C-alpha atoms as a PDB file:
ATOM      1  CA  MET A   1      10.581 273.470 160.698  1.00  0.00           C
ATOM      2  CA  THR A   2      10.559 274.020 156.958  1.00  0.00           C
ATOM      3  CA  ASP A   3      13.939 274.764 155.388  1.00  0.00           C
ATOM      4  CA  TYR A   4      13.119 277.816 153.283  1.00  0.00           C
ATOM      5  CA  TYR A   5      16.535 277.785 151.648  1.00  0.00           C
ATOM      6  CA  PHE A   6      15.927 274.230 150.470  1.00  0.00           C
ATOM      7  CA  VAL A   7      12.433 275.128 149.234  1.00  0.00           C
ATOM      8  CA  LEU A   8      13.869 277.831 146.971  1.00  0.00           C
ATOM      9  CA  GLY A   9      16.997 275.844 146.117  1.00  0.00           C
ATOM     10  CA  ILE A  10      19.452 278.459 147.383  1.00  0.00           C
ATOM     11  CA  THR A  11      22.235 278.650 149.939  1.00  0.00           C
ATOM     12  CA  PRO A  12      21.851 280.416 153.295  1.00  0.00           C
ATOM     13  CA  ASN A  13      24.216 283.174 152.174  1.00  0.00           C
ATOM     14  CA  ALA A  14      22.142 284.008 149.078  1.00  0.00           C
ATOM     15  CA  THR A  15      21.616 287.676 148.296  1.00  0.00           C
ATOM     16  CA  LEU A  16      18.197 289.283 148.045  1.00  0.00           C
ATOM     17  CA  ALA A  17      18.527 289.261 144.248  1.00  0.00           C
ATOM     18  CA  GLU A  18      19.222 285.512 144.326  1.00  0.00           C
ATOM     19  CA  VAL A  19      16.219 284.962 146.608  1.00  0.00           C
ATOM     20  CA  LYS A  20      13.971 286.885 144.208  1.00  0.00           C
ATOM     21  CA  LYS A  21      15.295 285.034 141.164  1.00  0.00           C
ATOM     22  CA  ALA A  22      14.872 281.635 142.817  1.00  0.00           C
ATOM     23  CA  PHE A  23      11.339 282.520 143.911  1.00  0.00           C
ATOM     24  CA  ARG A  24      10.336 283.606 140.410  1.00  0.00           C
ATOM     25  CA  LEU A  25      11.649 280.360 138.924  1.00  0.00           C
ATOM     26  CA  LYS A  26       9.986 278.125 141.532  1.00  0.00           C
ATOM     27  CA  ALA A  27       6.734 280.094 141.467  1.00  0.00           C
ATOM     28  CA  ALA A  28       6.553 279.757 137.697  1.00  0.00           C
ATOM     29  CA  GLU A  29       7.292 276.030 137.983  1.00  0.00           C
ATOM     30  CA  PHE A  30       4.644 275.317 140.625  1.00  0.00           C
ATOM     31  CA  HIS A  31       1.958 277.885 139.827  1.00  0.00           C
ATOM     32  CA  PRO A  32      -1.362 275.992 139.770  1.00  0.00           C
ATOM     33  CA  ASP A  33      -2.309 277.630 136.447  1.00  0.00           C
ATOM     34  CA  ARG A  34       0.828 276.213 134.821  1.00  0.00           C
ATOM     35  CA  ASN A  35       1.313 272.948 136.687  1.00  0.00           C
ATOM     36  CA  SER A  36      -1.499 270.399 136.852  1.00  0.00           C
ATOM     37  CA  SER A  37       0.171 268.283 139.532  1.00  0.00           C
ATOM     38  CA  ALA A  38      -1.860 267.712 142.677  1.00  0.00           C
ATOM     39  CA  LEU A  39       1.137 268.926 144.706  1.00  0.00           C
ATOM     40  CA  ALA A  40       1.562 272.169 142.744  1.00  0.00           C
ATOM     41  CA  PRO A  41      -0.631 274.367 144.993  1.00  0.00           C
ATOM     42  CA  GLN A  42       1.162 273.141 148.115  1.00  0.00           C
ATOM     43  CA  LYS A  43       4.613 273.653 146.555  1.00  0.00           C
ATOM     44  CA  PHE A  44       3.585 277.101 145.313  1.00  0.00           C
ATOM     45  CA  HIS A  45       2.428 278.048 148.806  1.00  0.00           C
ATOM     46  CA  GLU A  46       5.729 276.810 150.299  1.00  0.00           C
ATOM     47  CA  CYS A  47       7.674 278.921 147.793  1.00  0.00           C
ATOM     48  CA  LYS A  48       5.604 282.001 148.621  1.00  0.00           C
ATOM     49  CA  GLU A  49       6.052 281.448 152.350  1.00  0.00           C
ATOM     50  CA  ALA A  50       9.817 281.009 151.909  1.00  0.00           C
ATOM     51  CA  TYR A  51      10.040 284.168 149.827  1.00  0.00           C
ATOM     52  CA  ASP A  52       8.013 286.179 152.343  1.00  0.00           C
ATOM     53  CA  VAL A  53      10.445 285.261 155.120  1.00  0.00           C
ATOM     54  CA  LEU A  54      13.729 285.387 153.202  1.00  0.00           C
ATOM     55  CA  SER A  55      13.007 288.661 151.426  1.00  0.00           C
ATOM     56  CA  ASP A  56      12.328 290.529 154.695  1.00  0.00           C
ATOM     57  CA  ASP A  57      15.546 291.390 156.567  1.00  0.00           C
ATOM     58  CA  ALA A  58      14.063 291.160 160.074  1.00  0.00           C
ATOM     59  CA  ALA A  59      12.102 287.978 159.364  1.00  0.00           C
ATOM     60  CA  ARG A  60      15.144 286.382 157.726  1.00  0.00           C
ATOM     61  CA  ALA A  61      17.390 287.239 160.684  1.00  0.00           C
ATOM     62  CA  ALA A  62      14.853 285.713 163.090  1.00  0.00           C
ATOM     63  CA  TYR A  63      14.477 282.632 160.871  1.00  0.00           C
ATOM     64  CA  ASP A  64      18.256 282.177 160.625  1.00  0.00           C
ATOM     65  CA  GLU A  65      18.639 282.485 164.397  1.00  0.00           C
ATOM     66  CA  ASN A  66      15.862 279.958 164.991  1.00  0.00           C
ATOM     67  CA  ARG A  67      17.385 277.651 162.385  1.00  0.00           C
ATOM     68  CA  ARG A  68      20.797 277.894 164.062  1.00  0.00           C
ATOM     69  CA  ARG A  69      19.294 277.140 167.469  1.00  0.00           C
ATOM     70  CA  ASN A  70      17.410 274.113 166.169  1.00  0.00           C
ATOM     71  CA  LEU A  71      20.627 272.764 164.709  1.00  0.00           C
ATOM     72  CA  LEU A  72      22.385 273.169 168.045  1.00  0.00           C
ATOM     73  CA  ASP A  73      19.515 272.191 170.350  1.00  0.00           C
ATOM     74  CA  ASP A  74      18.245 269.129 168.518  1.00  0.00           C
ATOM     75  CA  PRO A  75      20.876 267.850 166.085  1.00  0.00           C
ATOM     76  CA  LEU A  76      19.170 264.475 165.533  1.00  0.00           C
ATOM     77  CA  GLN A  77      15.896 266.077 164.471  1.00  0.00           C
ATOM     78  CA  THR A  78      17.768 268.547 162.275  1.00  0.00           C
ATOM     79  CA  ALA A  79      19.784 265.769 160.648  1.00  0.00           C
ATOM     80  CA  SER A  80      16.590 263.797 160.085  1.00  0.00           C
ATOM     81  CA  GLU A  81      14.927 266.825 158.450  1.00  0.00           C
ATOM     82  CA  ILE A  82      17.944 267.442 156.217  1.00  0.00           C
ATOM     83  CA  TRP A  83      18.010 263.775 155.176  1.00  0.00           C
ATOM     84  CA  LYS A  84      14.264 263.776 154.452  1.00  0.00           C
ATOM     85  CA  ASN A  85      14.592 266.928 152.330  1.00  0.00           C
ATOM     86  CA  TYR A  86      17.575 265.479 150.491  1.00  0.00           C
ATOM     87  CA  LEU A  87      15.793 262.230 149.693  1.00  0.00           C
ATOM     88  CA  SER A  88      12.627 263.983 148.552  1.00  0.00           C
ATOM     89  CA  GLY A  89      14.741 266.102 146.169  1.00  0.00           C
ATOM     90  CA  VAL A  90      16.596 263.083 144.818  1.00  0.00           C
ATOM     91  CA  LEU A  91      13.534 260.900 144.374  1.00  0.00           C
ATOM     92  CA  GLN A  92      11.417 263.447 142.492  1.00  0.00           C
END
């Protein structure tokens, strides 16, 4: 499960305005027309997907509930995912 909050670099209690601002910054950073990196299209798509979910109240509520359940149901997998995301952010 992709951590959309991590993708946009925001906290889970971020407001809609903060979600929009973070998306604009990340989209500008990873837009394939501006970034020649081979990973730019993938990162741009991840940002768009995160924004689509987090900017819609119903989709965000469902995502948050699913995220909470994953944390409770499979803590080892969740911890592994968090660690992987953390390391990928540190090593970039």
